[in-house]
Amino acid sequence: MTVTDRSPDAPGQATEQRDRSFAWLAVVTGVVSWLASATLVLERLALYKDPGHITSCDINPWVSCGTVMKSWQAALFGFPNPLIGIVGFGIVITVGMALLAGARFARWYWIGFQTGITLAFVFCVWLWSQALYVIGALCIYCMVVWAMVIPLFVYTTARNLRAGVIPAGPRVRAVAAEWAWVATALLLVLTAGTVFLRFMNAFLG
């Protein structure tokens, strides 16, 4: 059953095109993040079976999924964090596929989706800070998830501002629609820059 999107910007071909572009973004970022999360779960299971297991991204002391997985931050809620990704990114993929199929969701659904994506972004920021400044090691699959969550968060927020899900004036909605790519690029560059500066020895030898 198709749910009607009651947001003020819902009618119109331009809006449908934007939502279709957003749907593809959700599917692509969701699939990549889901695969990274699934790989981390498999590596975590291998570590449970064999504490001496060398993960597929144990490259050196600074780039080591095994080091990160053995930290308490990797199981903040008492179970491996990637299990959250398996569920959460599965939902993201489902929403994207539903939009591509023509579904329209009510405002309350988009609020829930926005809340989930925002929490995922905040969680990634926390994990980024812990990896860089507390654990002192990088997990390649985790960084893949960070790189996917950033555009997903920015474009979800821009979409919901434009559609009126998040209350805002016309000027704010226009800026969100036009400058989302800039915000995404800046966040990606900032993240990559901090990683490079923190682990310069690992990259430059």
C-alpha atoms as a PDB file:
ATOM      1  CA  MET A   1       0.000   0.000   0.000  1.00  0.00           C
ATOM      2  CA  THR A   2       1.386   3.383  -0.993  1.00  0.00           C
ATOM      3  CA  VAL A   3       1.569   5.947   1.797  1.00  0.00           C
ATOM      4  CA  THR A   4       0.902   9.535   0.773  1.00  0.00           C
ATOM      5  CA  ASP A   5       3.665  12.059   1.434  1.00  0.00           C
ATOM      6  CA  ARG A   6       1.866  15.026   2.973  1.00  0.00           C
ATOM      7  CA  SER A   7       4.863  17.335   2.883  1.00  0.00           C
ATOM      8  CA  PRO A   8       4.232  20.746   1.203  1.00  0.00           C
ATOM      9  CA  ASP A   9       6.780  20.087  -1.526  1.00  0.00           C
ATOM     10  CA  ALA A  10       5.400  16.677  -2.489  1.00  0.00           C
ATOM     11  CA  PRO A  11       3.618  17.518  -5.797  1.00  0.00           C
ATOM     12  CA  GLY A  12       5.515  18.129  -9.005  1.00  0.00           C
ATOM     13  CA  GLN A  13       7.845  16.394 -11.400  1.00  0.00           C
ATOM     14  CA  ALA A  14      10.958  18.171 -10.024  1.00  0.00           C
ATOM     15  CA  THR A  15      10.274  16.847  -6.549  1.00  0.00           C
ATOM     16  CA  GLU A  16       9.736  13.318  -7.886  1.00  0.00           C
ATOM     17  CA  GLN A  17      13.075  13.508  -9.702  1.00  0.00           C
ATOM     18  CA  ARG A  18      14.847  14.695  -6.540  1.00  0.00           C
ATOM     19  CA  ASP A  19      13.274  11.901  -4.517  1.00  0.00           C
ATOM     20  CA  ARG A  20      14.348   9.387  -7.163  1.00  0.00           C
ATOM     21  CA  SER A  21      17.929  10.671  -6.952  1.00  0.00           C
ATOM     22  CA  PHE A  22      17.739  10.462  -3.171  1.00  0.00           C
ATOM     23  CA  ALA A  23      16.375   6.920  -3.452  1.00  0.00           C
ATOM     24  CA  TRP A  24      19.408   5.839  -5.494  1.00  0.00           C
ATOM     25  CA  LEU A  25      21.694   7.491  -2.953  1.00  0.00           C
ATOM     26  CA  ALA A  26      19.968   5.588  -0.145  1.00  0.00           C
ATOM     27  CA  VAL A  27      20.256   2.282  -1.994  1.00  0.00           C
ATOM     28  CA  VAL A  28      23.922   2.701  -2.928  1.00  0.00           C
ATOM     29  CA  THR A  29      25.106   3.991   0.467  1.00  0.00           C
ATOM     30  CA  GLY A  30      22.923   1.437   2.228  1.00  0.00           C
ATOM     31  CA  VAL A  31      24.278  -1.512   0.213  1.00  0.00           C
ATOM     32  CA  VAL A  32      27.923  -0.475   0.603  1.00  0.00           C
ATOM     33  CA  SER A  33      27.488   0.126   4.345  1.00  0.00           C
ATOM     34  CA  TRP A  34      25.575  -3.138   4.787  1.00  0.00           C
ATOM     35  CA  LEU A  35      28.347  -5.106   3.067  1.00  0.00           C
ATOM     36  CA  ALA A  36      30.994  -3.403   5.225  1.00  0.00           C
ATOM     37  CA  SER A  37      28.971  -4.153   8.367  1.00  0.00           C
ATOM     38  CA  ALA A  38      28.451  -7.769   7.321  1.00  0.00           C
ATOM     39  CA  THR A  39      32.191  -8.180   6.712  1.00  0.00           C
ATOM     40  CA  LEU A  40      32.907  -6.795  10.185  1.00  0.00           C
ATOM     41  CA  VAL A  41      30.420  -9.221  11.727  1.00  0.00           C
ATOM     42  CA  LEU A  42      32.127 -12.154   9.990  1.00  0.00           C
ATOM     43  CA  GLU A  43      35.535 -10.942  11.140  1.00  0.00           C
ATOM     44  CA  ARG A  44      34.221 -10.528  14.686  1.00  0.00           C
ATOM     45  CA  LEU A  45      32.872 -14.102  14.654  1.00  0.00           C
ATOM     46  CA  ALA A  46      36.261 -15.333  13.457  1.00  0.00           C
ATOM     47  CA  LEU A  47      37.902 -13.515  16.375  1.00  0.00           C
ATOM     48  CA  TYR A  48      35.459 -15.146  18.806  1.00  0.00           C
ATOM     49  CA  LYS A  49      36.494 -18.564  17.453  1.00  0.00           C
ATOM     50  CA  ASP A  50      40.196 -17.756  17.321  1.00  0.00           C
ATOM     51  CA  PRO A  51      41.524 -14.800  19.374  1.00  0.00           C
ATOM     52  CA  GLY A  52      44.682 -14.935  17.276  1.00  0.00           C
ATOM     53  CA  HIS A  53      42.804 -14.506  14.003  1.00  0.00           C
ATOM     54  CA  ILE A  54      44.318 -11.876  11.692  1.00  0.00           C
ATOM     55  CA  THR A  55      41.535  -9.890  10.058  1.00  0.00           C
ATOM     56  CA  SER A  56      41.527  -8.990   6.375  1.00  0.00           C
ATOM     57  CA  CYS A  57      42.459  -5.391   7.146  1.00  0.00           C
ATOM     58  CA  ASP A  58      45.194  -5.961   9.693  1.00  0.00           C
ATOM     59  CA  ILE A  59      47.837  -4.127   7.661  1.00  0.00           C
ATOM     60  CA  ASN A  60      50.021  -2.547  10.334  1.00  0.00           C
ATOM     61  CA  PRO A  61      49.728  -1.303  13.952  1.00  0.00           C
ATOM     62  CA  TRP A  62      47.771   1.764  12.809  1.00  0.00           C
ATOM     63  CA  VAL A  63      45.463   0.138  10.263  1.00  0.00           C
ATOM     64  CA  SER A  64      44.089  -2.863  12.092  1.00  0.00           C
ATOM     65  CA  CYS A  65      40.457  -3.942  12.308  1.00  0.00           C
ATOM     66  CA  GLY A  66      41.467  -6.523  14.904  1.00  0.00           C
ATOM     67  CA  THR A  67      42.783  -3.854  17.259  1.00  0.00           C
ATOM     68  CA  VAL A  68      39.597  -1.824  16.907  1.00  0.00           C
ATOM     69  CA  MET A  69      37.323  -4.863  17.308  1.00  0.00           C
ATOM     70  CA  LYS A  70      38.982  -5.845  20.587  1.00  0.00           C
ATOM     71  CA  SER A  71      38.278  -2.426  22.131  1.00  0.00           C
ATOM     72  CA  TRP A  72      35.236  -1.825  24.335  1.00  0.00           C
ATOM     73  CA  GLN A  73      34.085   0.885  21.925  1.00  0.00           C
ATOM     74  CA  ALA A  74      33.484  -1.807  19.283  1.00  0.00           C
ATOM     75  CA  ALA A  75      30.680  -3.278  21.401  1.00  0.00           C
ATOM     76  CA  LEU A  76      29.256  -0.196  23.080  1.00  0.00           C
ATOM     77  CA  PHE A  77      25.860  -1.763  23.816  1.00  0.00           C
ATOM     78  CA  GLY A  78      27.159  -5.190  24.795  1.00  0.00           C
ATOM     79  CA  PHE A  79      27.190  -6.667  21.293  1.00  0.00           C
ATOM     80  CA  PRO A  80      29.283  -5.878  18.183  1.00  0.00           C
ATOM     81  CA  ASN A  81      28.399  -2.487  16.722  1.00  0.00           C
ATOM     82  CA  PRO A  82      28.174  -3.830  13.135  1.00  0.00           C
ATOM     83  CA  LEU A  83      25.019  -5.734  14.098  1.00  0.00           C
ATOM     84  CA  ILE A  84      23.342  -2.337  14.378  1.00  0.00           C
ATOM     85  CA  GLY A  85      24.531  -1.606  10.862  1.00  0.00           C
ATOM     86  CA  ILE A  86      23.110  -4.876   9.531  1.00  0.00           C
ATOM     87  CA  VAL A  87      19.642  -3.846  10.731  1.00  0.00           C
ATOM     88  CA  GLY A  88      19.887  -0.102  10.170  1.00  0.00           C
ATOM     89  CA  PHE A  89      21.324  -0.163   6.674  1.00  0.00           C
ATOM     90  CA  GLY A  90      18.844  -2.868   5.736  1.00  0.00           C
ATOM     91  CA  ILE A  91      16.119  -0.332   6.526  1.00  0.00           C
ATOM     92  CA  VAL A  92      17.907   2.333   4.463  1.00  0.00           C
ATOM     93  CA  ILE A  93      18.046  -0.021   1.462  1.00  0.00           C
ATOM     94  CA  THR A  94      14.353  -0.863   1.894  1.00  0.00           C
ATOM     95  CA  VAL A  95      13.341   2.805   2.000  1.00  0.00           C
ATOM     96  CA  GLY A  96      15.403   3.547  -1.106  1.00  0.00           C
ATOM     97  CA  MET A  97      13.921   0.616  -3.030  1.00  0.00           C
ATOM     98  CA  ALA A  98      10.396   1.582  -1.938  1.00  0.00           C
ATOM     99  CA  LEU A  99      10.915   5.126  -3.234  1.00  0.00           C
ATOM    100  CA  LEU A 100      12.183   3.773  -6.550  1.00  0.00           C
ATOM    101  CA  ALA A 101       9.015   1.668  -6.742  1.00  0.00           C
ATOM    102  CA  GLY A 102       6.888   4.795  -6.307  1.00  0.00           C
ATOM    103  CA  ALA A 103       6.104   4.691  -2.601  1.00  0.00           C
ATOM    104  CA  ARG A 104       5.361   7.920  -0.738  1.00  0.00           C
ATOM    105  CA  PHE A 105       5.728   8.113   3.025  1.00  0.00           C
ATOM    106  CA  ALA A 106       3.898  10.220   5.588  1.00  0.00           C
ATOM    107  CA  ARG A 107       5.703  12.968   7.487  1.00  0.00           C
ATOM    108  CA  TRP A 108       5.908  10.897  10.687  1.00  0.00           C
ATOM    109  CA  TYR A 109       7.786   8.193   8.785  1.00  0.00           C
ATOM    110  CA  TRP A 110      10.321  10.678   7.452  1.00  0.00           C
ATOM    111  CA  ILE A 111      10.790  12.083  10.960  1.00  0.00           C
ATOM    112  CA  GLY A 112      11.585   8.588  12.182  1.00  0.00           C
ATOM    113  CA  PHE A 113      13.961   8.011   9.271  1.00  0.00           C
ATOM    114  CA  GLN A 114      15.671  11.351   9.910  1.00  0.00           C
ATOM    115  CA  THR A 115      16.060  10.491  13.589  1.00  0.00           C
ATOM    116  CA  GLY A 116      17.657   7.150  12.770  1.00  0.00           C
ATOM    117  CA  ILE A 117      20.070   8.623  10.211  1.00  0.00           C
ATOM    118  CA  THR A 118      21.011  11.448  12.582  1.00  0.00           C
ATOM    119  CA  LEU A 119      21.758   8.980  15.378  1.00  0.00           C
ATOM    120  CA  ALA A 120      23.858   6.934  12.942  1.00  0.00           C
ATOM    121  CA  PHE A 121      25.813  10.068  12.001  1.00  0.00           C
ATOM    122  CA  VAL A 122      26.389  11.013  15.652  1.00  0.00           C
ATOM    123  CA  PHE A 123      27.483   7.448  16.413  1.00  0.00           C
ATOM    124  CA  CYS A 124      29.952   7.532  13.507  1.00  0.00           C
ATOM    125  CA  VAL A 125      31.365  10.853  14.724  1.00  0.00           C
ATOM    126  CA  TRP A 126      31.881   9.313  18.163  1.00  0.00           C
ATOM    127  CA  LEU A 127      33.513   6.194  16.689  1.00  0.00           C
ATOM    128  CA  TRP A 128      35.742   8.415  14.512  1.00  0.00           C
ATOM    129  CA  SER A 129      36.924  10.333  17.593  1.00  0.00           C
ATOM    130  CA  GLN A 130      37.540   7.133  19.535  1.00  0.00           C
ATOM    131  CA  ALA A 131      39.467   5.478  16.687  1.00  0.00           C
ATOM    132  CA  LEU A 132      41.678   8.493  16.094  1.00  0.00           C
ATOM    133  CA  TYR A 133      42.314   9.793  19.592  1.00  0.00           C
ATOM    134  CA  VAL A 134      41.649   6.931  22.036  1.00  0.00           C
ATOM    135  CA  ILE A 135      42.152   3.546  20.341  1.00  0.00           C
ATOM    136  CA  GLY A 136      44.824   4.867  18.012  1.00  0.00           C
ATOM    137  CA  ALA A 137      43.998   2.500  15.157  1.00  0.00           C
ATOM    138  CA  LEU A 138      41.893   2.529  12.011  1.00  0.00           C
ATOM    139  CA  CYS A 139      39.393   0.008  10.714  1.00  0.00           C
ATOM    140  CA  ILE A 140      39.056   0.160   6.925  1.00  0.00           C
ATOM    141  CA  TYR A 141      35.512  -1.207   6.896  1.00  0.00           C
ATOM    142  CA  CYS A 142      34.516   1.298   9.574  1.00  0.00           C
ATOM    143  CA  MET A 143      35.885   4.131   7.438  1.00  0.00           C
ATOM    144  CA  VAL A 144      33.821   2.867   4.518  1.00  0.00           C
ATOM    145  CA  VAL A 145      30.723   3.180   6.688  1.00  0.00           C
ATOM    146  CA  TRP A 146      31.737   6.695   7.776  1.00  0.00           C
ATOM    147  CA  ALA A 147      32.145   7.690   4.118  1.00  0.00           C
ATOM    148  CA  MET A 148      28.660   6.397   3.303  1.00  0.00           C
ATOM    149  CA  VAL A 149      26.860   7.819   6.341  1.00  0.00           C
ATOM    150  CA  ILE A 150      28.100  11.371   5.682  1.00  0.00           C
ATOM    151  CA  PRO A 151      26.291  11.870   2.331  1.00  0.00           C
ATOM    152  CA  LEU A 152      23.325   9.854   3.574  1.00  0.00           C
ATOM    153  CA  PHE A 153      22.918  12.184   6.567  1.00  0.00           C
ATOM    154  CA  VAL A 154      23.430  15.396   4.579  1.00  0.00           C
ATOM    155  CA  TYR A 155      21.063  14.475   1.763  1.00  0.00           C
ATOM    156  CA  THR A 156      18.421  13.036   4.084  1.00  0.00           C
ATOM    157  CA  THR A 157      18.445  16.309   6.020  1.00  0.00           C
ATOM    158  CA  ALA A 158      18.368  18.354   2.799  1.00  0.00           C
ATOM    159  CA  ARG A 159      15.497  16.262   1.448  1.00  0.00           C
ATOM    160  CA  ASN A 160      13.457  16.657   4.622  1.00  0.00           C
ATOM    161  CA  LEU A 161      14.121  20.391   4.804  1.00  0.00           C
ATOM    162  CA  ARG A 162      13.075  20.834   1.192  1.00  0.00           C
ATOM    163  CA  ALA A 163       9.963  18.696   1.635  1.00  0.00           C
ATOM    164  CA  GLY A 164       8.872  20.474   4.796  1.00  0.00           C
ATOM    165  CA  VAL A 165       9.366  17.482   7.072  1.00  0.00           C
ATOM    166  CA  ILE A 166      11.766  19.659   9.058  1.00  0.00           C
ATOM    167  CA  PRO A 167      10.143  23.100   9.457  1.00  0.00           C
ATOM    168  CA  ALA A 168      12.181  25.813   7.728  1.00  0.00           C
ATOM    169  CA  GLY A 169      11.717  28.914   5.615  1.00  0.00           C
ATOM    170  CA  PRO A 170      11.940  28.941   1.807  1.00  0.00           C
ATOM    171  CA  ARG A 171      15.476  30.335   1.869  1.00  0.00           C
ATOM    172  CA  VAL A 172      16.756  27.584   4.177  1.00  0.00           C
ATOM    173  CA  ARG A 173      15.081  24.932   2.010  1.00  0.00           C
ATOM    174  CA  ALA A 174      16.644  26.377  -1.125  1.00  0.00           C
ATOM    175  CA  VAL A 175      20.111  26.515   0.446  1.00  0.00           C
ATOM    176  CA  ALA A 176      19.770  22.930   1.685  1.00  0.00           C
ATOM    177  CA  ALA A 177      18.832  21.721  -1.797  1.00  0.00           C
ATOM    178  CA  GLU A 178      21.560  23.643  -3.621  1.00  0.00           C
ATOM    179  CA  TRP A 179      24.467  23.261  -1.217  1.00  0.00           C
ATOM    180  CA  ALA A 180      24.052  19.710   0.081  1.00  0.00           C
ATOM    181  CA  TRP A 181      26.888  18.520  -2.171  1.00  0.00           C
ATOM    182  CA  VAL A 182      29.190  21.203  -0.746  1.00  0.00           C
ATOM    183  CA  ALA A 183      28.433  20.185   2.833  1.00  0.00           C
ATOM    184  CA  THR A 184      29.024  16.543   1.899  1.00  0.00           C
ATOM    185  CA  ALA A 185      32.348  17.319   0.229  1.00  0.00           C
ATOM    186  CA  LEU A 186      33.548  19.438   3.146  1.00  0.00           C
ATOM    187  CA  LEU A 187      32.694  16.752   5.708  1.00  0.00           C
ATOM    188  CA  LEU A 188      34.409  14.050   3.644  1.00  0.00           C
ATOM    189  CA  VAL A 189      37.525  16.188   3.179  1.00  0.00           C
ATOM    190  CA  LEU A 190      37.572  17.095   6.876  1.00  0.00           C
ATOM    191  CA  THR A 191      37.276  13.443   7.888  1.00  0.00           C
ATOM    192  CA  ALA A 192      39.968  12.331   5.436  1.00  0.00           C
ATOM    193  CA  GLY A 193      42.236  15.184   6.522  1.00  0.00           C
ATOM    194  CA  THR A 194      42.015  14.354  10.219  1.00  0.00           C
ATOM    195  CA  VAL A 195      42.663  10.675   9.505  1.00  0.00           C
ATOM    196  CA  PHE A 196      45.686  11.521   7.372  1.00  0.00           C
ATOM    197  CA  LEU A 197      47.154  13.936   9.922  1.00  0.00           C
ATOM    198  CA  ARG A 198      46.573  11.570  12.846  1.00  0.00           C
ATOM    199  CA  PHE A 199      48.066   8.554  11.053  1.00  0.00           C
ATOM    200  CA  MET A 200      50.585  10.245   8.809  1.00  0.00           C
ATOM    201  CA  ASN A 201      53.245   7.664   9.663  1.00  0.00           C
ATOM    202  CA  ALA A 202      51.011   4.847   8.512  1.00  0.00           C
ATOM    203  CA  PHE A 203      50.408   6.472   5.125  1.00  0.00           C
ATOM    204  CA  LEU A 204      53.888   7.868   4.505  1.00  0.00           C
ATOM    205  CA  GLY A 205      55.890   5.119   6.178  1.00  0.00           C
END
